[in-house]
Amino acid sequence: MFEFLWPYVFFVLPLPLLVYKLFPAKKNAQNNAALRVPFPISLDNKTIEKSSGKTLPLLAIALVWICLVAASARPQWLGEPIAIPVEGRDLMLAVDLSGSMKARDMVVNGQAVNRLSMIKYVLSDFISRRVGDRLGLILFADTAYLQAPLTFDRETVETLLNESVIGLVGDNTAIGDAIGLAVKRFRQREKSNRVLIVLTDGRNTAGNISPEQALTLAKDNQVSIYTIGVGGNQRDMFGFSMPSSGANFDEGTLKLIAEETGGQFFKANDTESLISIYQQLDALEPIEDGTQQLRPQTALYYIPLAIGLFISVILATFSLLSAFYKRNSN
């Protein structure tokens, strides 16, 4: 289907004719019409015919004006309607950046890495598969900061996560602040399936909101919280497992927060267990907002614009050649 997005632009089409009628060229009197030239010339029928040949340039100029107006009206081609289902979740990720995340008790591709590196590795695949979900990212330590608001731009969320570093916002752990900030962002959307995933390896040691207060806020705003306690075993140089020197997560509090909000508590002792957790989170039911009709649009303004430019180039070339011919003939 072809259409003009701004058809009202065509109202300016008769503007040059209107200006010509309202402001006509002044005509000289017959007795003042004589033209003095420094050399004698004779007017014959051919000269009169040339003067009457101005009709063609005027038509070309009018065509250029029509092309410019048509291009300004934004012609476009609309494709067939496409029905796109609008469904998904509002899913906020809260990642712990406290100092204890430096513990190198995780293994990724056979290499010992710290806890944050393992979370980034697994979350990258989790984020890439969240098609249709609005994702947000909160980083917390001494307090909580919104790094990425809820958005469909999964690549940006993944990039911001990968750019995070341990100690960026302190060395302590403010779990309550992270939950409270997520609840605040969820409030901005009335109809949503509100899901918060908290990844931490410690217990609440900082912040302005306690985990108990944050739990009350989450329950009042129907926020489901899935808590993941991160921490594993370190391996010595001989390959034996040893207890990690990092801080232990508060399993009791994390489990209480998850159960009271309709979520679930998980332990992530290694990369495989965290991957398994995210596979279980994939089973969350998305909300259904119906369908949205979209029509592909192809802009065509360049066609009349190119035609007008082509005619203008021909007119300019013709004028230059005509002036050059007259100069040589004289």
C-alpha atoms as a PDB file:
ATOM      1  CA  MET A   1       0.000   0.000   0.000  1.00  0.00           C
ATOM      2  CA  PHE A   2       1.338   3.395  -1.034  1.00  0.00           C
ATOM      3  CA  GLU A   3       0.619   6.530   0.983  1.00  0.00           C
ATOM      4  CA  PHE A   4       1.910   9.989   1.873  1.00  0.00           C
ATOM      5  CA  LEU A   5       2.657  10.385   5.573  1.00  0.00           C
ATOM      6  CA  TRP A   6       2.161  14.176   5.412  1.00  0.00           C
ATOM      7  CA  PRO A   7      -0.417  14.692   2.620  1.00  0.00           C
ATOM      8  CA  TYR A   8      -1.292  18.183   3.869  1.00  0.00           C
ATOM      9  CA  VAL A   9       2.020  19.410   2.430  1.00  0.00           C
ATOM     10  CA  PHE A  10       0.377  19.391  -1.012  1.00  0.00           C
ATOM     11  CA  PHE A  11      -1.579  22.507   0.038  1.00  0.00           C
ATOM     12  CA  VAL A  12       1.552  24.543  -0.770  1.00  0.00           C
ATOM     13  CA  LEU A  13       1.593  23.225  -4.346  1.00  0.00           C
ATOM     14  CA  PRO A  14      -0.158  26.305  -5.902  1.00  0.00           C
ATOM     15  CA  LEU A  15       1.991  28.714  -3.861  1.00  0.00           C
ATOM     16  CA  PRO A  16       4.203  29.907  -6.812  1.00  0.00           C
ATOM     17  CA  LEU A  17       1.104  30.593  -8.961  1.00  0.00           C
ATOM     18  CA  LEU A  18      -0.510  32.456  -6.067  1.00  0.00           C
ATOM     19  CA  VAL A  19       2.580  34.640  -5.626  1.00  0.00           C
ATOM     20  CA  TYR A  20       2.629  35.314  -9.385  1.00  0.00           C
ATOM     21  CA  LYS A  21      -1.014  36.457  -9.349  1.00  0.00           C
ATOM     22  CA  LEU A  22      -0.726  38.576  -6.200  1.00  0.00           C
ATOM     23  CA  PHE A  23       2.579  40.203  -7.130  1.00  0.00           C
ATOM     24  CA  PRO A  24       2.627  40.532 -10.960  1.00  0.00           C
ATOM     25  CA  ALA A  25       5.681  41.865 -12.778  1.00  0.00           C
ATOM     26  CA  LYS A  26       5.565  45.584 -13.558  1.00  0.00           C
ATOM     27  CA  LYS A  27       4.949  46.444 -17.219  1.00  0.00           C
ATOM     28  CA  ASN A  28       6.681  49.415 -18.842  1.00  0.00           C
ATOM     29  CA  ALA A  29       4.785  51.889 -21.004  1.00  0.00           C
ATOM     30  CA  GLN A  30       5.047  51.459 -24.777  1.00  0.00           C
ATOM     31  CA  ASN A  31       6.962  54.738 -25.239  1.00  0.00           C
ATOM     32  CA  ASN A  32       9.547  53.563 -22.719  1.00  0.00           C
ATOM     33  CA  ALA A  33       9.897  50.127 -24.257  1.00  0.00           C
ATOM     34  CA  ALA A  34      12.754  51.087 -26.556  1.00  0.00           C
ATOM     35  CA  LEU A  35      16.056  49.373 -25.895  1.00  0.00           C
ATOM     36  CA  ARG A  36      19.266  51.093 -26.936  1.00  0.00           C
ATOM     37  CA  VAL A  37      22.097  48.872 -28.000  1.00  0.00           C
ATOM     38  CA  PRO A  38      25.649  49.831 -29.000  1.00  0.00           C
ATOM     39  CA  PHE A  39      25.362  48.061 -32.338  1.00  0.00           C
ATOM     40  CA  PRO A  40      22.522  47.610 -34.831  1.00  0.00           C
ATOM     41  CA  ILE A  41      20.482  44.402 -34.676  1.00  0.00           C
ATOM     42  CA  SER A  42      17.554  43.144 -36.622  1.00  0.00           C
ATOM     43  CA  LEU A  43      14.640  41.155 -35.239  1.00  0.00           C
ATOM     44  CA  ASP A  44      13.333  38.462 -37.515  1.00  0.00           C
ATOM     45  CA  ASN A  45      10.834  35.654 -37.098  1.00  0.00           C
ATOM     46  CA  LYS A  46      13.478  33.301 -35.658  1.00  0.00           C
ATOM     47  CA  THR A  47      14.180  35.682 -32.802  1.00  0.00           C
ATOM     48  CA  ILE A  48      10.485  35.892 -31.994  1.00  0.00           C
ATOM     49  CA  GLU A  49      10.231  32.097 -32.040  1.00  0.00           C
ATOM     50  CA  LYS A  50      13.129  31.839 -29.597  1.00  0.00           C
ATOM     51  CA  SER A  51      11.439  34.238 -27.195  1.00  0.00           C
ATOM     52  CA  SER A  52       8.316  32.139 -27.265  1.00  0.00           C
ATOM     53  CA  GLY A  53      10.344  29.056 -26.380  1.00  0.00           C
ATOM     54  CA  LYS A  54      10.332  29.899 -22.680  1.00  0.00           C
ATOM     55  CA  THR A  55       7.353  27.620 -22.141  1.00  0.00           C
ATOM     56  CA  LEU A  56       9.478  24.470 -21.884  1.00  0.00           C
ATOM     57  CA  PRO A  57      11.793  25.781 -19.108  1.00  0.00           C
ATOM     58  CA  LEU A  58       8.761  26.990 -17.145  1.00  0.00           C
ATOM     59  CA  LEU A  59       7.188  23.541 -17.349  1.00  0.00           C
ATOM     60  CA  ALA A  60      10.455  21.961 -16.184  1.00  0.00           C
ATOM     61  CA  ILE A  61      10.684  24.340 -13.224  1.00  0.00           C
ATOM     62  CA  ALA A  62       7.065  23.558 -12.328  1.00  0.00           C
ATOM     63  CA  LEU A  63       7.866  19.837 -12.436  1.00  0.00           C
ATOM     64  CA  VAL A  64      10.856  20.380 -10.103  1.00  0.00           C
ATOM     65  CA  TRP A  65       8.586  22.200  -7.652  1.00  0.00           C
ATOM     66  CA  ILE A  66       6.050  19.349  -7.752  1.00  0.00           C
ATOM     67  CA  CYS A  67       8.824  16.824  -7.057  1.00  0.00           C
ATOM     68  CA  LEU A  68      10.067  18.818  -4.060  1.00  0.00           C
ATOM     69  CA  VAL A  69       6.570  19.057  -2.602  1.00  0.00           C
ATOM     70  CA  ALA A  70       5.978  15.342  -3.185  1.00  0.00           C
ATOM     71  CA  ALA A  71       9.248  14.471  -1.419  1.00  0.00           C
ATOM     72  CA  SER A  72       8.309  16.721   1.524  1.00  0.00           C
ATOM     73  CA  ALA A  73       5.002  14.850   1.862  1.00  0.00           C
ATOM     74  CA  ARG A  74       7.077  11.744   2.793  1.00  0.00           C
ATOM     75  CA  PRO A  75       5.821   9.059   0.387  1.00  0.00           C
ATOM     76  CA  GLN A  76       6.198   5.538   1.740  1.00  0.00           C
ATOM     77  CA  TRP A  77       5.248   1.965   1.017  1.00  0.00           C
ATOM     78  CA  LEU A  78       3.462   0.004   3.755  1.00  0.00           C
ATOM     79  CA  GLY A  79       3.912  -3.748   3.824  1.00  0.00           C
ATOM     80  CA  GLU A  80       1.408  -6.334   4.983  1.00  0.00           C
ATOM     81  CA  PRO A  81       0.412  -6.123   8.703  1.00  0.00           C
ATOM     82  CA  ILE A  82       2.411  -8.404  11.008  1.00  0.00           C
ATOM     83  CA  ALA A  83       0.917  -9.548  14.310  1.00  0.00           C
ATOM     84  CA  ILE A  84       3.543  -9.555  17.075  1.00  0.00           C
ATOM     85  CA  PRO A  85       2.640 -11.021  20.474  1.00  0.00           C
ATOM     86  CA  VAL A  86       3.370  -8.635  23.337  1.00  0.00           C
ATOM     87  CA  GLU A  87       4.391 -10.810  26.228  1.00  0.00           C
ATOM     88  CA  GLY A  88       7.191 -10.995  28.712  1.00  0.00           C
ATOM     89  CA  ARG A  89       8.338 -10.310  32.213  1.00  0.00           C
ATOM     90  CA  ASP A  90       9.776  -7.385  34.087  1.00  0.00           C
ATOM     91  CA  LEU A  91      12.905  -9.088  35.326  1.00  0.00           C
ATOM     92  CA  MET A  92      15.465  -7.241  37.452  1.00  0.00           C
ATOM     93  CA  LEU A  93      18.913  -8.655  38.171  1.00  0.00           C
ATOM     94  CA  ALA A  94      20.648  -7.575  41.402  1.00  0.00           C
ATOM     95  CA  VAL A  95      24.344  -8.517  41.452  1.00  0.00           C
ATOM     96  CA  ASP A  96      26.595  -8.331  44.511  1.00  0.00           C
ATOM     97  CA  LEU A  97      29.896  -6.450  43.992  1.00  0.00           C
ATOM     98  CA  SER A  98      31.177  -6.682  47.571  1.00  0.00           C
ATOM     99  CA  GLY A  99      34.791  -7.521  48.347  1.00  0.00           C
ATOM    100  CA  SER A 100      34.046 -11.171  49.096  1.00  0.00           C
ATOM    101  CA  MET A 101      33.170 -11.717  45.429  1.00  0.00           C
ATOM    102  CA  LYS A 102      36.933 -11.769  44.778  1.00  0.00           C
ATOM    103  CA  ALA A 103      37.163 -15.326  46.134  1.00  0.00           C
ATOM    104  CA  ARG A 104      38.515 -17.566  43.346  1.00  0.00           C
ATOM    105  CA  ASP A 105      36.489 -20.653  44.162  1.00  0.00           C
ATOM    106  CA  MET A 106      34.713 -21.045  40.816  1.00  0.00           C
ATOM    107  CA  VAL A 107      35.805 -22.786  37.627  1.00  0.00           C
ATOM    108  CA  VAL A 108      34.936 -21.645  34.075  1.00  0.00           C
ATOM    109  CA  ASN A 109      36.263 -23.631  31.109  1.00  0.00           C
ATOM    110  CA  GLY A 110      38.811 -25.321  33.339  1.00  0.00           C
ATOM    111  CA  GLN A 111      40.163 -22.042  34.727  1.00  0.00           C
ATOM    112  CA  ALA A 112      39.809 -20.865  38.325  1.00  0.00           C
ATOM    113  CA  VAL A 113      37.943 -17.538  38.428  1.00  0.00           C
ATOM    114  CA  ASN A 114      36.333 -15.354  41.061  1.00  0.00           C
ATOM    115  CA  ARG A 115      32.639 -15.426  41.801  1.00  0.00           C
ATOM    116  CA  LEU A 116      31.756 -12.330  39.792  1.00  0.00           C
ATOM    117  CA  SER A 117      33.481 -13.686  36.680  1.00  0.00           C
ATOM    118  CA  MET A 118      31.458 -16.881  36.952  1.00  0.00           C
ATOM    119  CA  ILE A 119      28.220 -14.903  37.331  1.00  0.00           C
ATOM    120  CA  LYS A 120      29.060 -12.821  34.242  1.00  0.00           C
ATOM    121  CA  TYR A 121      29.823 -15.964  32.247  1.00  0.00           C
ATOM    122  CA  VAL A 122      26.519 -17.642  33.064  1.00  0.00           C
ATOM    123  CA  LEU A 123      24.380 -14.492  33.008  1.00  0.00           C
ATOM    124  CA  SER A 124      25.538 -13.596  29.490  1.00  0.00           C
ATOM    125  CA  ASP A 125      23.781 -16.639  28.057  1.00  0.00           C
ATOM    126  CA  PHE A 126      20.787 -16.134  30.356  1.00  0.00           C
ATOM    127  CA  ILE A 127      20.354 -12.517  29.200  1.00  0.00           C
ATOM    128  CA  SER A 128      20.724 -13.368  25.501  1.00  0.00           C
ATOM    129  CA  ARG A 129      17.794 -15.795  25.738  1.00  0.00           C
ATOM    130  CA  ARG A 130      15.412 -13.337  27.417  1.00  0.00           C
ATOM    131  CA  VAL A 131      13.637 -12.407  24.170  1.00  0.00           C
ATOM    132  CA  GLY A 132      10.425 -10.532  25.016  1.00  0.00           C
ATOM    133  CA  ASP A 133      11.460  -9.759  28.604  1.00  0.00           C
ATOM    134  CA  ARG A 134      12.262  -6.338  29.971  1.00  0.00           C
ATOM    135  CA  LEU A 135      15.552  -6.614  31.823  1.00  0.00           C
ATOM    136  CA  GLY A 136      17.096  -4.305  34.390  1.00  0.00           C
ATOM    137  CA  LEU A 137      20.377  -4.392  36.307  1.00  0.00           C
ATOM    138  CA  ILE A 138      21.139  -3.333  39.882  1.00  0.00           C
ATOM    139  CA  LEU A 139      24.653  -3.408  41.331  1.00  0.00           C
ATOM    140  CA  PHE A 140      25.018  -3.309  45.086  1.00  0.00           C
ATOM    141  CA  ALA A 141      27.663  -3.329  47.819  1.00  0.00           C
ATOM    142  CA  ASP A 142      27.712  -0.487  50.388  1.00  0.00           C
ATOM    143  CA  THR A 143      24.466   0.657  48.738  1.00  0.00           C
ATOM    144  CA  ALA A 144      22.499  -0.186  45.606  1.00  0.00           C
ATOM    145  CA  TYR A 145      22.674   1.568  42.227  1.00  0.00           C
ATOM    146  CA  LEU A 146      20.464   1.204  39.171  1.00  0.00           C
ATOM    147  CA  GLN A 147      22.879   0.406  36.360  1.00  0.00           C
ATOM    148  CA  ALA A 148      20.237  -0.315  33.677  1.00  0.00           C
ATOM    149  CA  PRO A 149      16.483   0.442  33.896  1.00  0.00           C
ATOM    150  CA  LEU A 150      13.962  -2.071  32.620  1.00  0.00           C
ATOM    151  CA  THR A 151      14.499  -2.325  28.883  1.00  0.00           C
ATOM    152  CA  PHE A 152      14.211  -4.671  25.902  1.00  0.00           C
ATOM    153  CA  ASP A 153      17.812  -3.824  24.970  1.00  0.00           C
ATOM    154  CA  ARG A 154      19.453  -7.025  26.197  1.00  0.00           C
ATOM    155  CA  GLU A 155      22.830  -6.197  24.644  1.00  0.00           C
ATOM    156  CA  THR A 156      23.170  -3.027  26.692  1.00  0.00           C
ATOM    157  CA  VAL A 157      22.294  -4.837  29.920  1.00  0.00           C
ATOM    158  CA  GLU A 158      24.884  -7.514  29.152  1.00  0.00           C
ATOM    159  CA  THR A 159      27.513  -4.897  28.345  1.00  0.00           C
ATOM    160  CA  LEU A 160      26.908  -3.000  31.588  1.00  0.00           C
ATOM    161  CA  LEU A 161      27.141  -6.246  33.549  1.00  0.00           C
ATOM    162  CA  ASN A 162      30.433  -7.197  31.912  1.00  0.00           C
ATOM    163  CA  GLU A 163      31.854  -3.733  32.652  1.00  0.00           C
ATOM    164  CA  SER A 164      31.123  -4.014  36.397  1.00  0.00           C
ATOM    165  CA  VAL A 165      34.052  -4.592  38.746  1.00  0.00           C
ATOM    166  CA  ILE A 166      34.335  -5.727  42.351  1.00  0.00           C
ATOM    167  CA  GLY A 167      34.528  -2.831  44.793  1.00  0.00           C
ATOM    168  CA  LEU A 168      32.886  -0.399  42.390  1.00  0.00           C
ATOM    169  CA  VAL A 169      30.351   0.628  45.043  1.00  0.00           C
ATOM    170  CA  GLY A 170      32.165  -0.490  48.196  1.00  0.00           C
ATOM    171  CA  ASP A 171      33.098  -3.689  49.993  1.00  0.00           C
ATOM    172  CA  ASN A 172      30.025  -4.361  52.158  1.00  0.00           C
ATOM    173  CA  THR A 173      26.682  -5.937  51.240  1.00  0.00           C
ATOM    174  CA  ALA A 174      23.387  -3.999  51.156  1.00  0.00           C
ATOM    175  CA  ILE A 175      20.846  -6.659  50.192  1.00  0.00           C
ATOM    176  CA  GLY A 176      17.940  -4.646  51.618  1.00  0.00           C
ATOM    177  CA  ASP A 177      18.801  -1.593  49.531  1.00  0.00           C
ATOM    178  CA  ALA A 178      18.969  -3.711  46.367  1.00  0.00           C
ATOM    179  CA  ILE A 179      15.502  -5.141  46.972  1.00  0.00           C
ATOM    180  CA  GLY A 180      14.056  -1.738  47.885  1.00  0.00           C
ATOM    181  CA  LEU A 181      15.472  -0.141  44.712  1.00  0.00           C
ATOM    182  CA  ALA A 182      14.033  -2.925  42.564  1.00  0.00           C
ATOM    183  CA  VAL A 183      10.582  -2.482  44.146  1.00  0.00           C
ATOM    184  CA  LYS A 184      10.767   1.255  43.423  1.00  0.00           C
ATOM    185  CA  ARG A 185      11.469   0.622  39.736  1.00  0.00           C
ATOM    186  CA  PHE A 186       8.710  -1.993  39.477  1.00  0.00           C
ATOM    187  CA  ARG A 187       6.165   0.515  40.785  1.00  0.00           C
ATOM    188  CA  GLN A 188       6.511   2.526  37.587  1.00  0.00           C
ATOM    189  CA  ARG A 189       4.754  -0.224  35.646  1.00  0.00           C
ATOM    190  CA  GLU A 190       1.223  -1.082  36.670  1.00  0.00           C
ATOM    191  CA  LYS A 191       0.766  -4.281  34.699  1.00  0.00           C
ATOM    192  CA  SER A 192       3.801  -6.509  34.896  1.00  0.00           C
ATOM    193  CA  ASN A 193       5.014  -9.846  36.130  1.00  0.00           C
ATOM    194  CA  ARG A 194       7.576  -8.520  38.615  1.00  0.00           C
ATOM    195  CA  VAL A 195      10.538 -10.801  39.147  1.00  0.00           C
ATOM    196  CA  LEU A 196      13.748  -9.997  41.019  1.00  0.00           C
ATOM    197  CA  ILE A 197      16.821 -12.244  40.999  1.00  0.00           C
ATOM    198  CA  VAL A 198      19.326 -11.500  43.764  1.00  0.00           C
ATOM    199  CA  LEU A 199      22.825 -12.951  43.464  1.00  0.00           C
ATOM    200  CA  THR A 200      24.971 -12.551  46.566  1.00  0.00           C
ATOM    201  CA  ASP A 201      27.688 -14.365  48.472  1.00  0.00           C
ATOM    202  CA  GLY A 202      27.317 -12.608  51.813  1.00  0.00           C
ATOM    203  CA  ARG A 203      24.942 -11.321  54.442  1.00  0.00           C
ATOM    204  CA  ASN A 204      23.431  -7.854  54.839  1.00  0.00           C
ATOM    205  CA  THR A 205      26.083  -5.624  56.453  1.00  0.00           C
ATOM    206  CA  ALA A 206      25.228  -2.162  55.086  1.00  0.00           C
ATOM    207  CA  GLY A 207      22.484  -0.048  53.581  1.00  0.00           C
ATOM    208  CA  ASN A 208      19.561   2.058  54.719  1.00  0.00           C
ATOM    209  CA  ILE A 209      16.928  -0.696  54.519  1.00  0.00           C
ATOM    210  CA  SER A 210      17.093  -3.981  56.367  1.00  0.00           C
ATOM    211  CA  PRO A 211      16.212  -7.218  54.547  1.00  0.00           C
ATOM    212  CA  GLU A 212      13.085  -7.522  56.694  1.00  0.00           C
ATOM    213  CA  GLN A 213      11.863  -4.056  55.679  1.00  0.00           C
ATOM    214  CA  ALA A 214      12.658  -4.770  52.050  1.00  0.00           C
ATOM    215  CA  LEU A 215      10.724  -8.031  52.297  1.00  0.00           C
ATOM    216  CA  THR A 216       7.632  -6.140  53.467  1.00  0.00           C
ATOM    217  CA  LEU A 217       7.930  -3.731  50.536  1.00  0.00           C
ATOM    218  CA  ALA A 218       8.278  -6.596  48.079  1.00  0.00           C
ATOM    219  CA  LYS A 219       5.223  -8.392  49.427  1.00  0.00           C
ATOM    220  CA  ASP A 220       3.110  -5.218  49.334  1.00  0.00           C
ATOM    221  CA  ASN A 221       4.042  -4.683  45.676  1.00  0.00           C
ATOM    222  CA  GLN A 222       3.693  -8.309  44.491  1.00  0.00           C
ATOM    223  CA  VAL A 223       7.378  -8.753  43.654  1.00  0.00           C
ATOM    224  CA  SER A 224       8.598 -12.337  43.365  1.00  0.00           C
ATOM    225  CA  ILE A 225      12.191 -12.674  44.548  1.00  0.00           C
ATOM    226  CA  TYR A 226      14.525 -15.512  43.609  1.00  0.00           C
ATOM    227  CA  THR A 227      17.620 -15.487  45.785  1.00  0.00           C
ATOM    228  CA  ILE A 228      20.842 -17.213  44.774  1.00  0.00           C
ATOM    229  CA  GLY A 229      23.602 -17.782  47.294  1.00  0.00           C
ATOM    230  CA  VAL A 230      26.937 -17.873  45.468  1.00  0.00           C
ATOM    231  CA  GLY A 231      29.948 -19.625  46.969  1.00  0.00           C
ATOM    232  CA  GLY A 232      31.970 -22.769  46.394  1.00  0.00           C
ATOM    233  CA  ASN A 233      35.102 -24.574  47.411  1.00  0.00           C
ATOM    234  CA  GLN A 234      38.634 -23.513  46.613  1.00  0.00           C
ATOM    235  CA  ARG A 235      41.091 -26.028  45.241  1.00  0.00           C
ATOM    236  CA  ASP A 236      44.705 -26.188  46.354  1.00  0.00           C
ATOM    237  CA  MET A 237      47.655 -26.846  44.102  1.00  0.00           C
ATOM    238  CA  PHE A 238      47.108 -30.611  44.357  1.00  0.00           C
ATOM    239  CA  GLY A 239      43.461 -30.396  43.219  1.00  0.00           C
ATOM    240  CA  PHE A 240      41.823 -31.034  46.612  1.00  0.00           C
ATOM    241  CA  SER A 241      38.736 -29.070  47.615  1.00  0.00           C
ATOM    242  CA  MET A 242      39.099 -26.699  50.542  1.00  0.00           C
ATOM    243  CA  PRO A 243      36.572 -24.467  52.300  1.00  0.00           C
ATOM    244  CA  SER A 244      36.379 -21.056  50.665  1.00  0.00           C
ATOM    245  CA  SER A 245      37.852 -18.116  52.530  1.00  0.00           C
ATOM    246  CA  GLY A 246      35.110 -15.834  51.238  1.00  0.00           C
ATOM    247  CA  ALA A 247      32.161 -14.707  53.352  1.00  0.00           C
ATOM    248  CA  ASN A 248      29.315 -17.190  53.742  1.00  0.00           C
ATOM    249  CA  PHE A 249      25.884 -16.084  52.522  1.00  0.00           C
ATOM    250  CA  ASP A 250      22.993 -15.758  54.943  1.00  0.00           C
ATOM    251  CA  GLU A 251      21.017 -18.796  53.857  1.00  0.00           C
ATOM    252  CA  GLY A 252      18.264 -18.295  56.421  1.00  0.00           C
ATOM    253  CA  THR A 253      17.481 -14.730  55.339  1.00  0.00           C
ATOM    254  CA  LEU A 254      17.754 -15.476  51.634  1.00  0.00           C
ATOM    255  CA  LYS A 255      15.448 -18.461  51.962  1.00  0.00           C
ATOM    256  CA  LEU A 256      12.916 -16.439  53.995  1.00  0.00           C
ATOM    257  CA  ILE A 257      12.831 -13.635  51.411  1.00  0.00           C
ATOM    258  CA  ALA A 258      12.274 -16.104  48.573  1.00  0.00           C
ATOM    259  CA  GLU A 259       9.573 -18.134  50.289  1.00  0.00           C
ATOM    260  CA  GLU A 260       7.615 -15.108  51.564  1.00  0.00           C
ATOM    261  CA  THR A 261       7.459 -13.525  48.084  1.00  0.00           C
ATOM    262  CA  GLY A 262       6.559 -16.675  46.160  1.00  0.00           C
ATOM    263  CA  GLY A 263      10.047 -17.176  44.795  1.00  0.00           C
ATOM    264  CA  GLN A 264      12.685 -19.780  45.509  1.00  0.00           C
ATOM    265  CA  PHE A 265      16.123 -20.009  47.088  1.00  0.00           C
ATOM    266  CA  PHE A 266      19.045 -21.622  45.260  1.00  0.00           C
ATOM    267  CA  LYS A 267      22.632 -22.466  46.055  1.00  0.00           C
ATOM    268  CA  ALA A 268      25.197 -21.909  43.335  1.00  0.00           C
ATOM    269  CA  ASN A 269      28.287 -23.851  44.364  1.00  0.00           C
ATOM    270  CA  ASP A 270      29.717 -24.020  40.845  1.00  0.00           C
ATOM    271  CA  THR A 271      29.068 -23.026  37.245  1.00  0.00           C
ATOM    272  CA  GLU A 272      26.919 -26.067  36.471  1.00  0.00           C
ATOM    273  CA  SER A 273      24.603 -25.466  39.412  1.00  0.00           C
ATOM    274  CA  LEU A 274      24.096 -21.806  38.413  1.00  0.00           C
ATOM    275  CA  ILE A 275      23.282 -22.838  34.833  1.00  0.00           C
ATOM    276  CA  SER A 276      20.750 -25.319  36.210  1.00  0.00           C
ATOM    277  CA  ILE A 277      19.188 -22.559  38.314  1.00  0.00           C
ATOM    278  CA  TYR A 278      18.677 -20.320  35.293  1.00  0.00           C
ATOM    279  CA  GLN A 279      17.094 -23.191  33.403  1.00  0.00           C
ATOM    280  CA  GLN A 280      14.557 -23.481  36.205  1.00  0.00           C
ATOM    281  CA  LEU A 281      13.920 -19.744  36.106  1.00  0.00           C
ATOM    282  CA  ASP A 282      13.026 -20.087  32.415  1.00  0.00           C
ATOM    283  CA  ALA A 283       9.821 -21.793  33.537  1.00  0.00           C
ATOM    284  CA  LEU A 284       8.397 -18.530  34.917  1.00  0.00           C
ATOM    285  CA  GLU A 285       5.011 -17.681  33.344  1.00  0.00           C
ATOM    286  CA  PRO A 286       5.139 -14.546  31.154  1.00  0.00           C
ATOM    287  CA  ILE A 287       2.332 -11.988  31.234  1.00  0.00           C
ATOM    288  CA  GLU A 288       0.084 -11.662  28.177  1.00  0.00           C
ATOM    289  CA  ASP A 289      -0.839  -8.220  26.866  1.00  0.00           C
ATOM    290  CA  GLY A 290      -2.429  -9.369  23.611  1.00  0.00           C
ATOM    291  CA  THR A 291      -0.970  -8.724  20.176  1.00  0.00           C
ATOM    292  CA  GLN A 292       0.372  -5.659  18.430  1.00  0.00           C
ATOM    293  CA  GLN A 293      -0.037  -4.950  14.723  1.00  0.00           C
ATOM    294  CA  LEU A 294       3.058  -3.686  12.948  1.00  0.00           C
ATOM    295  CA  ARG A 295       3.464  -2.771   9.274  1.00  0.00           C
ATOM    296  CA  PRO A 296       6.903  -2.557   7.672  1.00  0.00           C
ATOM    297  CA  GLN A 297       7.533   0.924   6.232  1.00  0.00           C
ATOM    298  CA  THR A 298       9.799   1.761   3.305  1.00  0.00           C
ATOM    299  CA  ALA A 299      10.540   5.454   2.744  1.00  0.00           C
ATOM    300  CA  LEU A 300      10.275   6.587  -0.921  1.00  0.00           C
ATOM    301  CA  TYR A 301      10.984  10.312  -0.602  1.00  0.00           C
ATOM    302  CA  TYR A 302      14.272   9.924  -2.453  1.00  0.00           C
ATOM    303  CA  ILE A 303      12.486   9.044  -5.732  1.00  0.00           C
ATOM    304  CA  PRO A 304      10.762  12.417  -6.387  1.00  0.00           C
ATOM    305  CA  LEU A 305      13.790  14.162  -4.867  1.00  0.00           C
ATOM    306  CA  ALA A 306      16.110  12.435  -7.345  1.00  0.00           C
ATOM    307  CA  ILE A 307      13.788  13.269 -10.256  1.00  0.00           C
ATOM    308  CA  GLY A 308      13.692  16.933  -9.272  1.00  0.00           C
ATOM    309  CA  LEU A 309      17.473  17.033  -8.922  1.00  0.00           C
ATOM    310  CA  PHE A 310      17.904  15.381 -12.315  1.00  0.00           C
ATOM    311  CA  ILE A 311      15.645  17.940 -14.022  1.00  0.00           C
ATOM    312  CA  SER A 312      17.461  20.781 -12.240  1.00  0.00           C
ATOM    313  CA  VAL A 313      20.820  19.512 -13.501  1.00  0.00           C
ATOM    314  CA  ILE A 314      19.466  19.343 -17.074  1.00  0.00           C
ATOM    315  CA  LEU A 315      18.112  22.893 -16.838  1.00  0.00           C
ATOM    316  CA  ALA A 316      21.391  24.214 -15.454  1.00  0.00           C
ATOM    317  CA  THR A 317      23.377  22.417 -18.130  1.00  0.00           C
ATOM    318  CA  PHE A 318      21.085  23.725 -20.884  1.00  0.00           C
ATOM    319  CA  SER A 319      21.409  27.296 -19.571  1.00  0.00           C
ATOM    320  CA  LEU A 320      25.206  27.100 -19.497  1.00  0.00           C
ATOM    321  CA  LEU A 321      25.390  25.674 -23.008  1.00  0.00           C
ATOM    322  CA  SER A 322      22.980  28.315 -24.312  1.00  0.00           C
ATOM    323  CA  ALA A 323      25.012  31.140 -22.742  1.00  0.00           C
ATOM    324  CA  PHE A 324      28.237  29.651 -24.107  1.00  0.00           C
ATOM    325  CA  TYR A 325      26.717  29.369 -27.614  1.00  0.00           C
ATOM    326  CA  LYS A 326      25.466  32.982 -27.612  1.00  0.00           C
ATOM    327  CA  ARG A 327      28.843  34.287 -26.463  1.00  0.00           C
ATOM    328  CA  ASN A 328      30.668  32.440 -29.248  1.00  0.00           C
ATOM    329  CA  SER A 329      28.133  33.427 -31.891  1.00  0.00           C
ATOM    330  CA  ASN A 330      28.541  37.098 -31.044  1.00  0.00           C
END
